[in-house]
Amino acid sequence: KEQGFDDIEWGEDFGAPHETAIANHYDLPVFITNYPTKIKPFYMQPNP
């Protein structure tokens, strides 16, 4: 949102432009952690 991506809302999955913006900021492989439960498969452990 700070980078001007007004189209993204919490609970939505990231698209290619979003992932690229995040990766470019770090200029390294970067982990994006703890996605919303509703956009991930059924078998993932809840975040305590």
ModelCIF file with pLDDT and N, C-alpha, C, O atoms, coordinates in Angstrom:
data_MODEL
#
_entry.id   MODEL 
#
_entity.id                         1 
_entity.type                       polymer 
_entity.pdbx_number_of_molecules   1 
#
_entity_poly.entity_id                      1 
_entity_poly.type                           'polypeptide(L)' 
_entity_poly.nstd_linkage                   no 
_entity_poly.nstd_monomer                   no 
_entity_poly.pdbx_seq_one_letter_code       KEQGFDDIEWGEDFGAPHETAIANHYDLPVFITNYPTKIKPFYMQPNP 
_entity_poly.pdbx_seq_one_letter_code_can   KEQGFDDIEWGEDFGAPHETAIANHYDLPVFITNYPTKIKPFYMQPNP 
_entity_poly.pdbx_strand_id                 A 
#
loop_
_entity_poly_seq.entity_id 
_entity_poly_seq.num 
_entity_poly_seq.mon_id 
_entity_poly_seq.hetero 
1 1  LYS n 
1 2  GLU n 
1 3  GLN n 
1 4  GLY n 
1 5  PHE n 
1 6  ASP n 
1 7  ASP n 
1 8  ILE n 
1 9  GLU n 
1 10 TRP n 
1 11 GLY n 
1 12 GLU n 
1 13 ASP n 
1 14 PHE n 
1 15 GLY n 
1 16 ALA n 
1 17 PRO n 
1 18 HIS n 
1 19 GLU n 
1 20 THR n 
1 21 ALA n 
1 22 ILE n 
1 23 ALA n 
1 24 ASN n 
1 25 HIS n 
1 26 TYR n 
1 27 ASP n 
1 28 LEU n 
1 29 PRO n 
1 30 VAL n 
1 31 PHE n 
1 32 ILE n 
1 33 THR n 
1 34 ASN n 
1 35 TYR n 
1 36 PRO n 
1 37 THR n 
1 38 LYS n 
1 39 ILE n 
1 40 LYS n 
1 41 PRO n 
1 42 PHE n 
1 43 TYR n 
1 44 MET n 
1 45 GLN n 
1 46 PRO n 
1 47 ASN n 
1 48 PRO n 
#
_struct_asym.id          A 
_struct_asym.entity_id   1 
#
loop_
_ma_qa_metric.id 
_ma_qa_metric.mode 
_ma_qa_metric.name 
_ma_qa_metric.software_group_id 
_ma_qa_metric.type 
1 global pLDDT . pLDDT 
2 local  pLDDT . pLDDT 
#
_ma_qa_metric_global.metric_id      1 
_ma_qa_metric_global.metric_value   95.98 
_ma_qa_metric_global.model_id       1 
_ma_qa_metric_global.ordinal_id     1 
#
loop_
_ma_qa_metric_local.label_asym_id 
_ma_qa_metric_local.label_comp_id 
_ma_qa_metric_local.label_seq_id 
_ma_qa_metric_local.metric_id 
_ma_qa_metric_local.metric_value 
_ma_qa_metric_local.model_id 
_ma_qa_metric_local.ordinal_id 
A LYS 1  2 97.00 1 1  
A GLU 2  2 97.00 1 2  
A GLN 3  2 96.00 1 3  
A GLY 4  2 97.00 1 4  
A PHE 5  2 96.00 1 5  
A ASP 6  2 92.00 1 6  
A ASP 7  2 90.00 1 7  
A ILE 8  2 94.00 1 8  
A GLU 9  2 95.00 1 9  
A TRP 10 2 97.00 1 10 
A GLY 11 2 97.00 1 11 
A GLU 12 2 97.00 1 12 
A ASP 13 2 96.00 1 13 
A PHE 14 2 97.00 1 14 
A GLY 15 2 94.00 1 15 
A ALA 16 2 93.00 1 16 
A PRO 17 2 95.00 1 17 
A HIS 18 2 97.00 1 18 
A GLU 19 2 96.00 1 19 
A THR 20 2 95.00 1 20 
A ALA 21 2 96.00 1 21 
A ILE 22 2 97.00 1 22 
A ALA 23 2 95.00 1 23 
A ASN 24 2 93.00 1 24 
A HIS 25 2 96.00 1 25 
A TYR 26 2 94.00 1 26 
A ASP 27 2 89.00 1 27 
A LEU 28 2 94.00 1 28 
A PRO 29 2 97.00 1 29 
A VAL 30 2 98.00 1 30 
A PHE 31 2 98.00 1 31 
A ILE 32 2 98.00 1 32 
A THR 33 2 98.00 1 33 
A ASN 34 2 98.00 1 34 
A TYR 35 2 98.00 1 35 
A PRO 36 2 98.00 1 36 
A THR 37 2 97.00 1 37 
A LYS 38 2 96.00 1 38 
A ILE 39 2 96.00 1 39 
A LYS 40 2 96.00 1 40 
A PRO 41 2 95.00 1 41 
A PHE 42 2 95.00 1 42 
A TYR 43 2 97.00 1 43 
A MET 44 2 98.00 1 44 
A GLN 45 2 98.00 1 45 
A PRO 46 2 98.00 1 46 
A ASN 47 2 98.00 1 47 
A PRO 48 2 98.00 1 48 
#
loop_
_atom_site.group_PDB 
_atom_site.id 
_atom_site.type_symbol 
_atom_site.label_atom_id 
_atom_site.label_alt_id 
_atom_site.label_comp_id 
_atom_site.label_asym_id 
_atom_site.label_entity_id 
_atom_site.label_seq_id 
_atom_site.pdbx_PDB_ins_code 
_atom_site.Cartn_x 
_atom_site.Cartn_y 
_atom_site.Cartn_z 
_atom_site.occupancy 
_atom_site.B_iso_or_equiv 
_atom_site.pdbx_formal_charge 
_atom_site.auth_seq_id 
_atom_site.auth_comp_id 
_atom_site.auth_asym_id 
_atom_site.auth_atom_id 
_atom_site.pdbx_PDB_model_num 
ATOM 1   N N  . LYS A 1 1  ? 0.841  -1.208  0.000  1.00 97.00 ? 1  LYS A N  1 
ATOM 2   C CA . LYS A 1 1  ? 0.000  0.000   0.000  1.00 97.00 ? 1  LYS A CA 1 
ATOM 3   C C  . LYS A 1 1  ? 0.875  1.258   0.000  1.00 97.00 ? 1  LYS A C  1 
ATOM 4   O O  . LYS A 1 1  ? 0.566  2.242   -0.673 1.00 97.00 ? 1  LYS A O  1 
ATOM 5   N N  . GLU A 1 2  ? 1.970  1.212   0.763  1.00 97.00 ? 2  GLU A N  1 
ATOM 6   C CA . GLU A 1 2  ? 2.892  2.345   0.789  1.00 97.00 ? 2  GLU A CA 1 
ATOM 7   C C  . GLU A 1 2  ? 3.555  2.552   -0.564 1.00 97.00 ? 2  GLU A C  1 
ATOM 8   O O  . GLU A 1 2  ? 3.938  3.670   -0.909 1.00 97.00 ? 2  GLU A O  1 
ATOM 9   N N  . GLN A 1 3  ? 3.692  1.461   -1.338 1.00 96.00 ? 3  GLN A N  1 
ATOM 10  C CA . GLN A 1 3  ? 4.307  1.536   -2.664 1.00 96.00 ? 3  GLN A CA 1 
ATOM 11  C C  . GLN A 1 3  ? 3.311  1.902   -3.757 1.00 96.00 ? 3  GLN A C  1 
ATOM 12  O O  . GLN A 1 3  ? 3.657  1.937   -4.938 1.00 96.00 ? 3  GLN A O  1 
ATOM 13  N N  . GLY A 1 4  ? 2.076  2.174   -3.354 1.00 97.00 ? 4  GLY A N  1 
ATOM 14  C CA . GLY A 1 4  ? 1.072  2.612   -4.321 1.00 97.00 ? 4  GLY A CA 1 
ATOM 15  C C  . GLY A 1 4  ? 0.187  1.519   -4.878 1.00 97.00 ? 4  GLY A C  1 
ATOM 16  O O  . GLY A 1 4  ? -0.566 1.763   -5.820 1.00 97.00 ? 4  GLY A O  1 
ATOM 17  N N  . PHE A 1 5  ? 0.256  0.301   -4.316 1.00 96.00 ? 5  PHE A N  1 
ATOM 18  C CA . PHE A 1 5  ? -0.612 -0.793  -4.775 1.00 96.00 ? 5  PHE A CA 1 
ATOM 19  C C  . PHE A 1 5  ? -1.948 -0.708  -4.025 1.00 96.00 ? 5  PHE A C  1 
ATOM 20  O O  . PHE A 1 5  ? -2.176 -1.425  -3.051 1.00 96.00 ? 5  PHE A O  1 
ATOM 21  N N  . ASP A 1 6  ? -2.806 0.166   -4.491 1.00 92.00 ? 6  ASP A N  1 
ATOM 22  C CA . ASP A 1 6  ? -4.097 0.373   -3.821 1.00 92.00 ? 6  ASP A CA 1 
ATOM 23  C C  . ASP A 1 6  ? -5.075 -0.772  -4.081 1.00 92.00 ? 6  ASP A C  1 
ATOM 24  O O  . ASP A 1 6  ? -6.130 -0.847  -3.450 1.00 92.00 ? 6  ASP A O  1 
ATOM 25  N N  . ASP A 1 7  ? -4.719 -1.671  -5.019 1.00 90.00 ? 7  ASP A N  1 
ATOM 26  C CA . ASP A 1 7  ? -5.640 -2.753  -5.377 1.00 90.00 ? 7  ASP A CA 1 
ATOM 27  C C  . ASP A 1 7  ? -5.589 -3.919  -4.391 1.00 90.00 ? 7  ASP A C  1 
ATOM 28  O O  . ASP A 1 7  ? -6.470 -4.779  -4.418 1.00 90.00 ? 7  ASP A O  1 
ATOM 29  N N  . ILE A 1 8  ? -4.578 -3.965  -3.523 1.00 94.00 ? 8  ILE A N  1 
ATOM 30  C CA . ILE A 1 8  ? -4.429 -5.114  -2.637 1.00 94.00 ? 8  ILE A CA 1 
ATOM 31  C C  . ILE A 1 8  ? -5.124 -4.865  -1.308 1.00 94.00 ? 8  ILE A C  1 
ATOM 32  O O  . ILE A 1 8  ? -4.982 -3.798  -0.710 1.00 94.00 ? 8  ILE A O  1 
ATOM 33  N N  . GLU A 1 9  ? -5.874 -5.858  -0.853 1.00 95.00 ? 9  GLU A N  1 
ATOM 34  C CA . GLU A 1 9  ? -6.544 -5.799  0.443  1.00 95.00 ? 9  GLU A CA 1 
ATOM 35  C C  . GLU A 1 9  ? -6.172 -7.031  1.235  1.00 95.00 ? 9  GLU A C  1 
ATOM 36  O O  . GLU A 1 9  ? -5.857 -8.076  0.666  1.00 95.00 ? 9  GLU A O  1 
ATOM 37  N N  . TRP A 1 10 ? -6.211 -6.905  2.570  1.00 97.00 ? 10 TRP A N  1 
ATOM 38  C CA . TRP A 1 10 ? -5.889 -8.040  3.423  1.00 97.00 ? 10 TRP A CA 1 
ATOM 39  C C  . TRP A 1 10 ? -6.846 -9.189  3.114  1.00 97.00 ? 10 TRP A C  1 
ATOM 40  O O  . TRP A 1 10 ? -8.055 -8.986  3.011  1.00 97.00 ? 10 TRP A O  1 
ATOM 41  N N  . GLY A 1 11 ? -6.307 -10.376 2.969  1.00 97.00 ? 11 GLY A N  1 
ATOM 42  C CA . GLY A 1 11 ? -7.113 -11.547 2.663  1.00 97.00 ? 11 GLY A CA 1 
ATOM 43  C C  . GLY A 1 11 ? -7.041 -11.971 1.209  1.00 97.00 ? 11 GLY A C  1 
ATOM 44  O O  . GLY A 1 11 ? -7.554 -13.028 0.839  1.00 97.00 ? 11 GLY A O  1 
ATOM 45  N N  . GLU A 1 12 ? -6.398 -11.139 0.372  1.00 97.00 ? 12 GLU A N  1 
ATOM 46  C CA . GLU A 1 12 ? -6.237 -11.466 -1.039 1.00 97.00 ? 12 GLU A CA 1 
ATOM 47  C C  . GLU A 1 12 ? -4.836 -12.034 -1.282 1.00 97.00 ? 12 GLU A C  1 
ATOM 48  O O  . GLU A 1 12 ? -3.882 -11.684 -0.588 1.00 97.00 ? 12 GLU A O  1 
ATOM 49  N N  . ASP A 1 13 ? -4.734 -12.902 -2.266 1.00 96.00 ? 13 ASP A N  1 
ATOM 50  C CA . ASP A 1 13 ? -3.427 -13.450 -2.615 1.00 96.00 ? 13 ASP A CA 1 
ATOM 51  C C  . ASP A 1 13 ? -2.657 -12.423 -3.435 1.00 96.00 ? 13 ASP A C  1 
ATOM 52  O O  . ASP A 1 13 ? -3.248 -11.551 -4.070 1.00 96.00 ? 13 ASP A O  1 
ATOM 53  N N  . PHE A 1 14 ? -1.346 -12.535 -3.413 1.00 97.00 ? 14 PHE A N  1 
ATOM 54  C CA . PHE A 1 14 ? -0.511 -11.610 -4.168 1.00 97.00 ? 14 PHE A CA 1 
ATOM 55  C C  . PHE A 1 14 ? -0.373 -12.064 -5.613 1.00 97.00 ? 14 PHE A C  1 
ATOM 56  O O  . PHE A 1 14 ? -0.298 -13.260 -5.897 1.00 97.00 ? 14 PHE A O  1 
ATOM 57  N N  . GLY A 1 15 ? -0.343 -11.103 -6.513 1.00 94.00 ? 15 GLY A N  1 
ATOM 58  C CA . GLY A 1 15 ? -0.074 -11.383 -7.912 1.00 94.00 ? 15 GLY A CA 1 
ATOM 59  C C  . GLY A 1 15 ? 1.385  -11.119 -8.228 1.00 94.00 ? 15 GLY A C  1 
ATOM 60  O O  . GLY A 1 15 ? 2.165  -10.723 -7.362 1.00 94.00 ? 15 GLY A O  1 
ATOM 61  N N  . ALA A 1 16 ? 1.741  -11.344 -9.487 1.00 93.00 ? 16 ALA A N  1 
ATOM 62  C CA . ALA A 1 16 ? 3.138  -11.183 -9.902 1.00 93.00 ? 16 ALA A CA 1 
ATOM 63  C C  . ALA A 1 16 ? 3.689  -9.784  -9.611 1.00 93.00 ? 16 ALA A C  1 
ATOM 64  O O  . ALA A 1 16 ? 4.813  -9.682  -9.118 1.00 93.00 ? 16 ALA A O  1 
ATOM 65  N N  . PRO A 1 17 ? 2.949  -8.696  -9.894 1.00 95.00 ? 17 PRO A N  1 
ATOM 66  C CA . PRO A 1 17 ? 3.502  -7.361  -9.606 1.00 95.00 ? 17 PRO A CA 1 
ATOM 67  C C  . PRO A 1 17 ? 3.772  -7.146  -8.117 1.00 95.00 ? 17 PRO A C  1 
ATOM 68  O O  . PRO A 1 17 ? 4.744  -6.489  -7.744 1.00 95.00 ? 17 PRO A O  1 
ATOM 69  N N  . HIS A 1 18 ? 2.902  -7.706  -7.270 1.00 97.00 ? 18 HIS A N  1 
ATOM 70  C CA . HIS A 1 18 ? 3.093  -7.549  -5.824 1.00 97.00 ? 18 HIS A CA 1 
ATOM 71  C C  . HIS A 1 18 ? 4.351  -8.286  -5.365 1.00 97.00 ? 18 HIS A C  1 
ATOM 72  O O  . HIS A 1 18 ? 5.170  -7.739  -4.626 1.00 97.00 ? 18 HIS A O  1 
ATOM 73  N N  . GLU A 1 19 ? 4.491  -9.536  -5.816 1.00 96.00 ? 19 GLU A N  1 
ATOM 74  C CA . GLU A 1 19 ? 5.666  -10.322 -5.427 1.00 96.00 ? 19 GLU A CA 1 
ATOM 75  C C  . GLU A 1 19 ? 6.952  -9.665  -5.917 1.00 96.00 ? 19 GLU A C  1 
ATOM 76  O O  . GLU A 1 19 ? 7.957  -9.644  -5.205 1.00 96.00 ? 19 GLU A O  1 
ATOM 77  N N  . THR A 1 20 ? 6.917  -9.132  -7.130 1.00 95.00 ? 20 THR A N  1 
ATOM 78  C CA . THR A 1 20 ? 8.105  -8.503  -7.695 1.00 95.00 ? 20 THR A CA 1 
ATOM 79  C C  . THR A 1 20 ? 8.506  -7.267  -6.898 1.00 95.00 ? 20 THR A C  1 
ATOM 80  O O  . THR A 1 20 ? 9.690  -7.039  -6.651 1.00 95.00 ? 20 THR A O  1 
ATOM 81  N N  . ALA A 1 21 ? 7.519  -6.471  -6.496 1.00 96.00 ? 21 ALA A N  1 
ATOM 82  C CA . ALA A 1 21 ? 7.812  -5.261  -5.714 1.00 96.00 ? 21 ALA A CA 1 
ATOM 83  C C  . ALA A 1 21 ? 8.468  -5.607  -4.384 1.00 96.00 ? 21 ALA A C  1 
ATOM 84  O O  . ALA A 1 21 ? 9.407  -4.938  -3.954 1.00 96.00 ? 21 ALA A O  1 
ATOM 85  N N  . ILE A 1 22 ? 7.965  -6.662  -3.734 1.00 97.00 ? 22 ILE A N  1 
ATOM 86  C CA . ILE A 1 22 ? 8.532  -7.078  -2.450 1.00 97.00 ? 22 ILE A CA 1 
ATOM 87  C C  . ILE A 1 22 ? 9.957  -7.596  -2.645 1.00 97.00 ? 22 ILE A C  1 
ATOM 88  O O  . ILE A 1 22 ? 10.865 -7.221  -1.903 1.00 97.00 ? 22 ILE A O  1 
ATOM 89  N N  . ALA A 1 23 ? 10.148 -8.459  -3.647 1.00 95.00 ? 23 ALA A N  1 
ATOM 90  C CA . ALA A 1 23 ? 11.476 -9.030  -3.900 1.00 95.00 ? 23 ALA A CA 1 
ATOM 91  C C  . ALA A 1 23 ? 12.482 -7.953  -4.281 1.00 95.00 ? 23 ALA A C  1 
ATOM 92  O O  . ALA A 1 23 ? 13.632 -7.996  -3.844 1.00 95.00 ? 23 ALA A O  1 
ATOM 93  N N  . ASN A 1 24 ? 12.061 -6.989  -5.091 1.00 93.00 ? 24 ASN A N  1 
ATOM 94  C CA . ASN A 1 24 ? 12.968 -5.918  -5.515 1.00 93.00 ? 24 ASN A CA 1 
ATOM 95  C C  . ASN A 1 24 ? 13.424 -5.064  -4.339 1.00 93.00 ? 24 ASN A C  1 
ATOM 96  O O  . ASN A 1 24 ? 14.529 -4.521  -4.344 1.00 93.00 ? 24 ASN A O  1 
ATOM 97  N N  . HIS A 1 25 ? 12.565 -4.951  -3.338 1.00 96.00 ? 25 HIS A N  1 
ATOM 98  C CA . HIS A 1 25 ? 12.916 -4.162  -2.158 1.00 96.00 ? 25 HIS A CA 1 
ATOM 99  C C  . HIS A 1 25 ? 14.089 -4.798  -1.414 1.00 96.00 ? 25 HIS A C  1 
ATOM 100 O O  . HIS A 1 25 ? 14.959 -4.097  -0.897 1.00 96.00 ? 25 HIS A O  1 
ATOM 101 N N  . TYR A 1 26 ? 14.106 -6.121  -1.362 1.00 94.00 ? 26 TYR A N  1 
ATOM 102 C CA . TYR A 1 26 ? 15.173 -6.819  -0.640 1.00 94.00 ? 26 TYR A CA 1 
ATOM 103 C C  . TYR A 1 26 ? 16.347 -7.188  -1.541 1.00 94.00 ? 26 TYR A C  1 
ATOM 104 O O  . TYR A 1 26 ? 17.477 -7.330  -1.073 1.00 94.00 ? 26 TYR A O  1 
ATOM 105 N N  . ASP A 1 27 ? 16.072 -7.342  -2.838 1.00 89.00 ? 27 ASP A N  1 
ATOM 106 C CA . ASP A 1 27 ? 17.097 -7.717  -3.810 1.00 89.00 ? 27 ASP A CA 1 
ATOM 107 C C  . ASP A 1 27 ? 17.728 -9.073  -3.487 1.00 89.00 ? 27 ASP A C  1 
ATOM 108 O O  . ASP A 1 27 ? 18.862 -9.347  -3.878 1.00 89.00 ? 27 ASP A O  1 
ATOM 109 N N  . LEU A 1 28 ? 16.990 -9.909  -2.779 1.00 94.00 ? 28 LEU A N  1 
ATOM 110 C CA . LEU A 1 28 ? 17.407 -11.247 -2.389 1.00 94.00 ? 28 LEU A CA 1 
ATOM 111 C C  . LEU A 1 28 ? 16.159 -12.122 -2.354 1.00 94.00 ? 28 LEU A C  1 
ATOM 112 O O  . LEU A 1 28 ? 15.048 -11.593 -2.345 1.00 94.00 ? 28 LEU A O  1 
ATOM 113 N N  . PRO A 1 29 ? 16.309 -13.443 -2.334 1.00 97.00 ? 29 PRO A N  1 
ATOM 114 C CA . PRO A 1 29 ? 15.132 -14.280 -2.075 1.00 97.00 ? 29 PRO A CA 1 
ATOM 115 C C  . PRO A 1 29 ? 14.543 -13.891 -0.718 1.00 97.00 ? 29 PRO A C  1 
ATOM 116 O O  . PRO A 1 29 ? 15.274 -13.715 0.257  1.00 97.00 ? 29 PRO A O  1 
ATOM 117 N N  . VAL A 1 30 ? 13.220 -13.760 -0.666 1.00 98.00 ? 30 VAL A N  1 
ATOM 118 C CA . VAL A 1 30 ? 12.574 -13.297 0.565  1.00 98.00 ? 30 VAL A CA 1 
ATOM 119 C C  . VAL A 1 30 ? 11.388 -14.196 0.896  1.00 98.00 ? 30 VAL A C  1 
ATOM 120 O O  . VAL A 1 30 ? 10.601 -14.547 0.017  1.00 98.00 ? 30 VAL A O  1 
ATOM 121 N N  . PHE A 1 31 ? 11.266 -14.566 2.163  1.00 98.00 ? 31 PHE A N  1 
ATOM 122 C CA . PHE A 1 31 ? 10.118 -15.333 2.635  1.00 98.00 ? 31 PHE A CA 1 
ATOM 123 C C  . PHE A 1 31 ? 8.970  -14.385 2.984  1.00 98.00 ? 31 PHE A C  1 
ATOM 124 O O  . PHE A 1 31 ? 9.154  -13.426 3.733  1.00 98.00 ? 31 PHE A O  1 
ATOM 125 N N  . ILE A 1 32 ? 7.794  -14.661 2.439  1.00 98.00 ? 32 ILE A N  1 
ATOM 126 C CA . ILE A 1 32 ? 6.565  -14.010 2.897  1.00 98.00 ? 32 ILE A CA 1 
ATOM 127 C C  . ILE A 1 32 ? 5.836  -15.045 3.739  1.00 98.00 ? 32 ILE A C  1 
ATOM 128 O O  . ILE A 1 32 ? 5.450  -16.100 3.235  1.00 98.00 ? 32 ILE A O  1 
ATOM 129 N N  . THR A 1 33 ? 5.645  -14.746 5.023  1.00 98.00 ? 33 THR A N  1 
ATOM 130 C CA . THR A 1 33 ? 5.140  -15.736 5.972  1.00 98.00 ? 33 THR A CA 1 
ATOM 131 C C  . THR A 1 33 ? 3.719  -15.433 6.423  1.00 98.00 ? 33 THR A C  1 
ATOM 132 O O  . THR A 1 33 ? 3.229  -14.311 6.296  1.00 98.00 ? 33 THR A O  1 
ATOM 133 N N  . ASN A 1 34 ? 3.067  -16.476 6.957  1.00 98.00 ? 34 ASN A N  1 
ATOM 134 C CA . ASN A 1 34 ? 1.786  -16.352 7.670  1.00 98.00 ? 34 ASN A CA 1 
ATOM 135 C C  . ASN A 1 34 ? 0.673  -15.720 6.827  1.00 98.00 ? 34 ASN A C  1 
ATOM 136 O O  . ASN A 1 34 ? 0.145  -14.657 7.153  1.00 98.00 ? 34 ASN A O  1 
ATOM 137 N N  . TYR A 1 35 ? 0.341  -16.402 5.744  1.00 98.00 ? 35 TYR A N  1 
ATOM 138 C CA . TYR A 1 35 ? -0.764 -15.966 4.888  1.00 98.00 ? 35 TYR A CA 1 
ATOM 139 C C  . TYR A 1 35 ? -2.105 -16.233 5.576  1.00 98.00 ? 35 TYR A C  1 
ATOM 140 O O  . TYR A 1 35 ? -2.185 -17.041 6.501  1.00 98.00 ? 35 TYR A O  1 
ATOM 141 N N  . PRO A 1 36 ? -3.166 -15.540 5.111  1.00 98.00 ? 36 PRO A N  1 
ATOM 142 C CA . PRO A 1 36 ? -4.502 -15.805 5.657  1.00 98.00 ? 36 PRO A CA 1 
ATOM 143 C C  . PRO A 1 36 ? -4.934 -17.255 5.431  1.00 98.00 ? 36 PRO A C  1 
ATOM 144 O O  . PRO A 1 36 ? -4.656 -17.845 4.387  1.00 98.00 ? 36 PRO A O  1 
ATOM 145 N N  . THR A 1 37 ? -5.606 -17.806 6.412  1.00 97.00 ? 37 THR A N  1 
ATOM 146 C CA . THR A 1 37 ? -6.048 -19.201 6.352  1.00 97.00 ? 37 THR A CA 1 
ATOM 147 C C  . THR A 1 37 ? -6.904 -19.466 5.122  1.00 97.00 ? 37 THR A C  1 
ATOM 148 O O  . THR A 1 37 ? -6.777 -20.513 4.488  1.00 97.00 ? 37 THR A O  1 
ATOM 149 N N  . LYS A 1 38 ? -7.770 -18.528 4.786  1.00 96.00 ? 38 LYS A N  1 
ATOM 150 C CA . LYS A 1 38 ? -8.772 -18.779 3.746  1.00 96.00 ? 38 LYS A CA 1 
ATOM 151 C C  . LYS A 1 38 ? -8.201 -18.866 2.330  1.00 96.00 ? 38 LYS A C  1 
ATOM 152 O O  . LYS A 1 38 ? -8.886 -19.334 1.420  1.00 96.00 ? 38 LYS A O  1 
ATOM 153 N N  . ILE A 1 39 ? -6.952 -18.421 2.130  1.00 96.00 ? 39 ILE A N  1 
ATOM 154 C CA . ILE A 1 39 ? -6.389 -18.492 0.771  1.00 96.00 ? 39 ILE A CA 1 
ATOM 155 C C  . ILE A 1 39 ? -5.304 -19.555 0.667  1.00 96.00 ? 39 ILE A C  1 
ATOM 156 O O  . ILE A 1 39 ? -4.585 -19.620 -0.330 1.00 96.00 ? 39 ILE A O  1 
ATOM 157 N N  . LYS A 1 40 ? -5.183 -20.400 1.715  1.00 96.00 ? 40 LYS A N  1 
ATOM 158 C CA . LYS A 1 40 ? -4.187 -21.457 1.690  1.00 96.00 ? 40 LYS A CA 1 
ATOM 159 C C  . LYS A 1 40 ? -4.872 -22.817 1.839  1.00 96.00 ? 40 LYS A C  1 
ATOM 160 O O  . LYS A 1 40 ? -6.023 -22.883 2.270  1.00 96.00 ? 40 LYS A O  1 
ATOM 161 N N  . PRO A 1 41 ? -4.168 -23.912 1.481  1.00 95.00 ? 41 PRO A N  1 
ATOM 162 C CA . PRO A 1 41 ? -4.766 -25.246 1.530  1.00 95.00 ? 41 PRO A CA 1 
ATOM 163 C C  . PRO A 1 41 ? -5.161 -25.667 2.947  1.00 95.00 ? 41 PRO A C  1 
ATOM 164 O O  . PRO A 1 41 ? -4.743 -25.066 3.937  1.00 95.00 ? 41 PRO A O  1 
ATOM 165 N N  . PHE A 1 42 ? -5.976 -26.711 3.010  1.00 95.00 ? 42 PHE A N  1 
ATOM 166 C CA . PHE A 1 42 ? -6.612 -27.148 4.249  1.00 95.00 ? 42 PHE A CA 1 
ATOM 167 C C  . PHE A 1 42 ? -5.656 -27.694 5.289  1.00 95.00 ? 42 PHE A C  1 
ATOM 168 O O  . PHE A 1 42 ? -5.993 -27.714 6.473  1.00 95.00 ? 42 PHE A O  1 
ATOM 169 N N  . TYR A 1 43 ? -4.472 -28.139 4.888  1.00 97.00 ? 43 TYR A N  1 
ATOM 170 C CA . TYR A 1 43 ? -3.607 -28.914 5.779  1.00 97.00 ? 43 TYR A CA 1 
ATOM 171 C C  . TYR A 1 43 ? -2.636 -28.059 6.591  1.00 97.00 ? 43 TYR A C  1 
ATOM 172 O O  . TYR A 1 43 ? -1.835 -28.610 7.346  1.00 97.00 ? 43 TYR A O  1 
ATOM 173 N N  . MET A 1 44 ? -2.680 -26.746 6.462  1.00 98.00 ? 44 MET A N  1 
ATOM 174 C CA . MET A 1 44 ? -1.671 -25.905 7.099  1.00 98.00 ? 44 MET A CA 1 
ATOM 175 C C  . MET A 1 44 ? -2.004 -25.614 8.561  1.00 98.00 ? 44 MET A C  1 
ATOM 176 O O  . MET A 1 44 ? -3.154 -25.342 8.908  1.00 98.00 ? 44 MET A O  1 
ATOM 177 N N  . GLN A 1 45 ? -0.986 -25.674 9.405  1.00 98.00 ? 45 GLN A N  1 
ATOM 178 C CA . GLN A 1 45 ? -1.128 -25.469 10.842 1.00 98.00 ? 45 GLN A CA 1 
ATOM 179 C C  . GLN A 1 45 ? -1.492 -24.012 11.152 1.00 98.00 ? 45 GLN A C  1 
ATOM 180 O O  . GLN A 1 45 ? -0.858 -23.099 10.625 1.00 98.00 ? 45 GLN A O  1 
ATOM 181 N N  . PRO A 1 46 ? -2.512 -23.779 12.005 1.00 98.00 ? 46 PRO A N  1 
ATOM 182 C CA . PRO A 1 46 ? -2.870 -22.409 12.381 1.00 98.00 ? 46 PRO A CA 1 
ATOM 183 C C  . PRO A 1 46 ? -1.719 -21.697 13.088 1.00 98.00 ? 46 PRO A C  1 
ATOM 184 O O  . PRO A 1 46 ? -0.920 -22.320 13.787 1.00 98.00 ? 46 PRO A O  1 
ATOM 185 N N  . ASN A 1 47 ? -1.652 -20.400 12.895 1.00 98.00 ? 47 ASN A N  1 
ATOM 186 C CA . ASN A 1 47 ? -0.664 -19.566 13.569 1.00 98.00 ? 47 ASN A CA 1 
ATOM 187 C C  . ASN A 1 47 ? -1.151 -19.279 14.989 1.00 98.00 ? 47 ASN A C  1 
ATOM 188 O O  . ASN A 1 47 ? -2.188 -18.635 15.145 1.00 98.00 ? 47 ASN A O  1 
ATOM 189 N N  . PRO A 1 48 ? -0.453 -19.728 16.021 1.00 98.00 ? 48 PRO A N  1 
ATOM 190 C CA . PRO A 1 48 ? -0.925 -19.516 17.394 1.00 98.00 ? 48 PRO A CA 1 
ATOM 191 C C  . PRO A 1 48 ? -1.023 -18.044 17.779 1.00 98.00 ? 48 PRO A C  1 
ATOM 192 O O  . PRO A 1 48 ? -1.407 -17.725 18.904 1.00 98.00 ? 48 PRO A O  1 
#
